[in-house]
Protein backbone atom coordinates (compact mmCIF):
# COMPACT_ATOMS: atom_id res chain seq x y z
CA UNK A 1 -27.77 10.67 -37.63
CA UNK A 2 -30.47 8.70 -35.82
CA UNK A 3 -27.91 7.42 -33.30
CA UNK A 4 -26.93 11.01 -32.51
CA UNK A 5 -30.56 11.98 -32.00
CA UNK A 6 -31.06 9.03 -29.69
CA UNK A 7 -27.90 9.82 -27.76
CA UNK A 8 -27.46 13.61 -27.41
CA UNK A 9 -25.07 13.15 -24.47
CA UNK A 10 -22.62 11.30 -26.70
CA UNK A 11 -22.82 14.00 -29.38
CA UNK A 12 -22.47 16.92 -26.94
CA UNK A 13 -19.75 15.27 -24.88
CA UNK A 14 -17.81 14.13 -27.93
CA UNK A 15 -17.96 17.65 -29.39
CA UNK A 16 -16.74 19.26 -26.17
CA UNK A 17 -13.93 16.74 -25.67
CA UNK A 18 -12.84 17.04 -29.31
CA UNK A 19 -12.79 20.84 -28.98
CA UNK A 20 -10.74 20.65 -25.78
CA UNK A 21 -8.31 18.22 -27.38
CA UNK A 22 -7.94 20.52 -30.40
CA UNK A 23 -7.24 23.49 -28.11
CA UNK A 24 -4.66 21.51 -26.14
CA UNK A 25 -2.90 20.28 -29.29
CA UNK A 26 -3.20 23.20 -31.70
CA UNK A 27 -4.06 26.13 -29.43
CA UNK A 28 -0.45 27.12 -28.68
CA UNK A 29 0.16 27.34 -32.44
CA UNK A 30 -2.76 29.74 -32.88
CA UNK A 31 -2.32 31.86 -29.75
CA UNK A 32 1.06 33.42 -30.27
CA UNK A 33 1.26 35.26 -26.94
CA UNK A 34 3.83 33.95 -24.48
CA UNK A 35 1.93 32.68 -21.41
CA UNK A 36 4.84 33.63 -19.15
CA UNK A 37 5.60 37.08 -20.64
CA UNK A 38 5.26 39.73 -17.92
CA UNK A 39 3.71 43.06 -18.95
CA UNK A 40 3.19 45.08 -15.77
CA UNK A 41 1.52 48.11 -17.46
CA UNK A 42 -1.37 45.77 -18.37
CA UNK A 43 -1.59 44.07 -14.96
CA UNK A 44 -5.19 43.12 -14.10
CA UNK A 45 -6.42 44.51 -17.42
CA UNK A 46 -9.89 43.27 -18.28
CA UNK A 47 -10.90 41.46 -21.45
CA UNK A 48 -10.45 43.54 -24.59
CA UNK A 49 -9.39 43.54 -28.21
CA UNK A 50 -5.70 43.05 -27.37
CA UNK A 51 -6.19 40.50 -24.59
CA UNK A 52 -9.46 38.64 -25.15
CA UNK A 53 -9.58 37.18 -21.63
CA UNK A 54 -7.66 39.99 -19.95
CA UNK A 55 -4.38 39.82 -18.06
CA UNK A 56 -3.36 38.54 -14.65
CA UNK A 57 -1.62 40.43 -11.83
CA UNK A 58 1.69 40.35 -13.75
CA UNK A 59 0.19 41.37 -17.06
CA UNK A 60 0.38 37.88 -18.55
CA UNK A 61 -2.18 37.09 -21.23
CA UNK A 62 -4.97 34.97 -19.74
CA UNK A 63 -6.04 33.43 -23.05
CA UNK A 64 -2.52 32.13 -23.65
CA UNK A 65 -2.36 30.77 -20.11
CA UNK A 66 -5.76 29.08 -20.43
CA UNK A 67 -4.71 27.45 -23.71
CA UNK A 68 -1.40 26.23 -22.32
CA UNK A 69 -3.20 25.21 -19.14
CA UNK A 70 -5.44 22.98 -21.27
CA UNK A 71 -2.35 21.19 -22.55
CA UNK A 72 -0.98 20.66 -19.04
CA UNK A 73 -4.25 19.82 -17.28
CA UNK A 74 -5.56 17.47 -19.98
CA UNK A 75 -2.11 15.95 -20.39
CA UNK A 76 -1.89 15.14 -16.68
CA UNK A 77 -5.46 13.78 -16.65
CA UNK A 78 -4.84 11.57 -19.69
CA UNK A 79 -1.54 10.26 -18.30
CA UNK A 80 -3.06 9.46 -14.90
CA UNK A 81 -6.06 7.73 -16.49
CA UNK A 82 -3.85 5.66 -18.81
CA UNK A 83 -1.44 4.58 -16.06
CA UNK A 84 -4.24 3.87 -13.58
CA UNK A 85 -6.09 1.85 -16.21
CA UNK A 86 -2.99 -0.19 -17.05
CA UNK A 87 -2.16 -0.93 -13.40
CA UNK A 88 -5.77 -1.65 -12.47
CA UNK A 89 -6.28 -3.95 -15.45
CA UNK A 90 -3.12 -5.90 -14.71
CA UNK A 91 -3.87 -6.32 -11.01
CA UNK A 92 -7.63 -6.86 -11.30
CA UNK A 93 -7.34 -9.18 -14.28
CA UNK A 94 -4.54 -11.17 -12.71
CA UNK A 95 -6.45 -11.55 -9.45
CA UNK A 96 -9.62 -12.72 -11.22
CA UNK A 97 -7.75 -15.33 -13.26
CA UNK A 98 -5.68 -16.56 -10.33
CA UNK A 99 -8.63 -16.83 -7.95
CA UNK A 100 -8.34 -18.35 -4.48
CA UNK A 101 -5.87 -16.88 -2.03
CA UNK A 102 -4.28 -14.58 -4.60
CA UNK A 103 -7.64 -13.01 -5.40
CA UNK A 104 -8.51 -12.62 -1.71
CA UNK A 105 -5.12 -11.09 -0.93
CA UNK A 106 -5.37 -8.58 -3.77
CA UNK A 107 -8.90 -7.57 -2.85
CA UNK A 108 -7.97 -7.07 0.80
CA UNK A 109 -5.06 -4.87 -0.29
CA UNK A 110 -7.44 -2.82 -2.44
CA UNK A 111 -9.84 -2.53 0.50
CA UNK A 112 -7.01 -1.16 2.63
CA UNK A 113 -6.21 1.50 0.03
CA UNK A 114 -9.90 2.38 -0.34
CA UNK A 115 -10.19 2.76 3.44
CA UNK A 116 -8.38 6.08 3.07
CA UNK A 117 -10.28 8.98 1.47
CA UNK A 118 -8.85 9.13 -2.04
CA UNK A 119 -8.27 12.87 -2.24
CA UNK A 120 -6.68 13.01 1.22
CA UNK A 121 -4.34 10.20 0.16
CA UNK A 122 -3.42 12.17 -2.95
CA UNK A 123 -2.77 15.29 -0.84
CA UNK A 124 -0.54 13.32 1.52
CA UNK A 125 1.46 11.76 -1.31
CA UNK A 126 1.77 15.07 -3.15
CA UNK A 127 3.00 16.75 0.02
CA UNK A 128 5.58 14.00 0.58
CA UNK A 129 6.77 13.92 -3.03
CA UNK A 130 6.73 17.69 -3.44
CA UNK A 131 5.28 19.88 -6.18
CA UNK A 132 5.88 18.95 -9.81
CA UNK A 133 4.00 17.38 -12.71
CA UNK A 134 5.64 13.96 -12.45
CA UNK A 135 5.01 13.74 -8.71
CA UNK A 136 1.43 14.93 -9.26
CA UNK A 137 0.85 12.08 -11.72
CA UNK A 138 2.19 9.58 -9.16
CA UNK A 139 -0.03 10.97 -6.40
CA UNK A 140 -3.19 10.90 -8.52
CA UNK A 141 -2.42 7.44 -9.90
CA UNK A 142 -2.08 6.09 -6.37
CA UNK A 143 -5.74 6.85 -5.74
CA UNK A 144 -7.02 6.01 -9.23
CA UNK A 145 -5.96 2.45 -10.03
CA UNK A 146 -8.14 0.73 -7.42
CA UNK A 147 -11.42 1.56 -9.18
CA UNK A 148 -10.19 0.01 -12.41
CA UNK A 149 -8.91 -3.07 -10.58
CA UNK A 150 -12.28 -3.71 -8.93
CA UNK A 151 -14.17 -3.13 -12.19
CA UNK A 152 -11.89 -5.37 -14.28
CA UNK A 153 -11.97 -8.12 -11.67
CA UNK A 154 -15.75 -8.08 -11.49
CA UNK A 155 -16.20 -8.08 -15.25
CA UNK A 156 -13.70 -10.89 -15.79
CA UNK A 157 -15.30 -13.02 -13.09
CA UNK A 158 -18.54 -12.75 -15.05
CA UNK A 159 -16.86 -13.61 -18.36
CA UNK A 160 -14.41 -16.35 -17.47
CA UNK A 161 -17.11 -19.01 -17.34
CA UNK A 162 -18.35 -18.24 -20.85
CA UNK A 163 -18.10 -21.04 -23.40
CA UNK A 164 -15.52 -19.35 -25.62
CA UNK A 165 -13.24 -18.78 -22.63
CA UNK A 166 -13.65 -22.37 -21.48
CA UNK A 167 -12.86 -23.54 -25.02
CA UNK A 168 -9.71 -21.43 -25.15
CA UNK A 169 -8.66 -22.75 -21.75
CA UNK A 170 -9.28 -26.34 -22.89
CA UNK A 171 -7.04 -25.74 -25.91
CA UNK A 172 -4.22 -24.79 -23.56
CA UNK A 173 -4.33 -21.01 -23.71
CA UNK A 174 -2.15 -19.42 -21.06
CA UNK A 175 -3.71 -16.99 -18.54
CA UNK A 176 -1.97 -14.04 -20.21
CA UNK A 177 -3.40 -15.04 -23.60
CA UNK A 178 -6.85 -15.55 -22.10
CA UNK A 179 -6.72 -12.09 -20.60
CA UNK A 180 -5.43 -10.26 -23.67
CA UNK A 181 -7.16 -12.11 -26.50
CA UNK A 182 -10.45 -13.25 -24.99
CA UNK A 183 -11.35 -11.29 -21.86
CA UNK A 184 -10.14 -7.70 -22.30
CA UNK A 185 -12.09 -7.16 -25.57
CA UNK A 186 -15.25 -8.19 -23.73
CA UNK A 187 -14.79 -5.61 -20.97
CA UNK A 188 -13.52 -2.77 -23.15
CA UNK A 189 -16.87 -0.97 -23.07
CA UNK A 190 -17.34 -0.68 -19.28
CA UNK A 191 -13.66 0.16 -18.83
CA UNK A 192 -13.89 2.92 -21.46
CA UNK A 193 -16.91 4.39 -19.66
CA UNK A 194 -15.08 4.42 -16.32
CA UNK A 195 -11.97 5.91 -17.90
CA UNK A 196 -14.00 8.70 -19.48
CA UNK A 197 -15.67 9.61 -16.20
CA UNK A 198 -12.30 9.22 -14.50
CA UNK A 199 -10.63 11.86 -16.66
CA UNK A 200 -13.20 14.41 -15.52
CA UNK A 201 -12.54 13.55 -11.89
CA UNK A 202 -8.79 13.75 -12.40
CA UNK A 203 -9.10 17.23 -13.91
CA UNK A 204 -10.88 18.40 -10.75
CA UNK A 205 -8.35 16.65 -8.49
CA UNK A 206 -5.40 18.12 -10.40
CA UNK A 207 -6.90 21.60 -10.21
CA UNK A 208 -7.53 21.20 -6.48
CA UNK A 209 -3.98 20.02 -5.78
CA UNK A 210 -2.54 22.84 -7.89
CA UNK A 211 -4.79 25.28 -6.04
CA UNK A 212 -3.25 24.02 -2.78
CA UNK A 213 0.26 24.47 -4.16
CA UNK A 214 0.88 20.74 -4.58
CA UNK A 215 0.73 20.62 -8.37
CA UNK A 216 2.92 22.08 -11.07
CA UNK A 217 5.34 24.75 -9.92
CA UNK A 218 4.55 28.34 -10.94
CA UNK A 219 4.79 29.92 -13.42
CA UNK A 220 3.51 26.76 -15.16
CA UNK A 221 0.00 27.73 -16.31
CA UNK A 222 -2.33 25.10 -14.89
CA UNK A 223 -5.96 25.96 -14.31
CA UNK A 224 -5.66 25.19 -10.61
CA UNK A 225 -2.79 27.55 -9.85
CA UNK A 226 -4.48 30.23 -11.96
CA UNK A 227 -7.50 29.95 -9.68
CA UNK A 228 -5.26 30.21 -6.63
CA UNK A 229 -3.43 33.26 -7.99
CA UNK A 230 -6.67 34.99 -8.96
CA UNK A 231 -8.57 34.58 -5.70
CA UNK A 232 -6.82 37.59 -4.15
CA UNK A 233 -8.20 39.82 -6.93
CA UNK A 234 -11.67 38.32 -7.25
CA UNK A 235 -13.40 41.65 -6.56
CA UNK A 236 -11.28 43.88 -8.80
CA UNK A 237 -10.48 41.36 -11.56
CA UNK A 238 -13.05 38.54 -11.56
CA UNK A 239 -11.85 37.34 -14.96
CA UNK A 240 -8.79 35.83 -13.25
CA UNK A 241 -10.95 33.17 -11.62
CA UNK A 242 -13.82 33.08 -14.11
CA UNK A 243 -11.70 31.99 -17.08
CA UNK A 244 -9.99 28.97 -15.46
CA UNK A 245 -13.19 28.09 -13.61
CA UNK A 246 -15.17 27.95 -16.86
CA UNK A 247 -12.38 25.92 -18.50
CA UNK A 248 -12.47 23.36 -15.69
CA UNK A 249 -16.27 23.23 -15.71
CA UNK A 250 -16.55 22.73 -19.47
CA UNK A 251 -13.85 20.05 -19.44
CA UNK A 252 -15.52 18.05 -16.68
CA UNK A 253 -18.93 18.52 -18.30
CA UNK A 254 -17.60 17.28 -21.64
CA UNK A 255 -16.07 14.10 -20.23
CA UNK A 256 -19.09 13.38 -18.04
CA UNK A 257 -21.47 13.78 -20.97
CA UNK A 258 -19.24 11.58 -23.12
CA UNK A 259 -19.11 8.92 -20.41
CA UNK A 260 -22.89 9.05 -20.01
CA UNK A 261 -23.33 8.76 -23.76
CA UNK A 262 -20.96 5.78 -23.97
CA UNK A 263 -22.79 4.09 -21.10
CA UNK A 264 -26.10 4.51 -22.94
CA UNK A 265 -24.56 3.19 -26.16
CA UNK A 266 -23.11 0.12 -24.46
CA UNK A 267 -26.36 -0.48 -22.60
CA UNK A 268 -28.32 -0.60 -25.86
CA UNK A 269 -25.86 -3.02 -27.47
CA UNK A 270 -25.94 -5.48 -24.57
């Protein structure tokens, strides 16, 4: 209880993220409406007893689409974060342990990738690959792994001279064993903080790409393409943009608060 009082960001962020995860996992079981069912007589209907968040221009239930959008948007964000983390850890950790020319070569390659604005690179890749969830994950991963690689490399460089690492190396531990058994546990905290912040950023990037027509193909209910579809009716049916906008905002807020809380927690333990 005292830890929660000392770290309200962790409590608030954890609550929001847990709520979003519950909606993504169990929401479709509770909201029985079909998110793709067209009901033209109720097109652009406002929030009411029958449709709590109203209906879109085709009469589709907005609450159902928001709930299913949570599953798609959070699923994409989680997949991108996990893949980016895995690639970045492998490359950054390998470069730090190898050192010398290998390390310099890897870091120069990362610098080349970072020379391009990340979101513009994602737009270019998404446009080349075409719309679709799998291609969207590839495009977002291409701009996400570099941050993890730089972080992991820096943390491992600071840890590899520690006595327990030197002892393991003296006993003949292979580089892969050093990385997995001795180094990764020591950098789990900073990596978890970056991953948590990263999920929030990925949610925004996914929504932006879907808004531009480079994400999931309609009628897939992602928050980004709901925003794009609702902008034409913003004056007569503001709920079409308000609902997905609030969903995106709360999701990003939750992950940012959680990341801030984790950073404070790790900072106190160090």
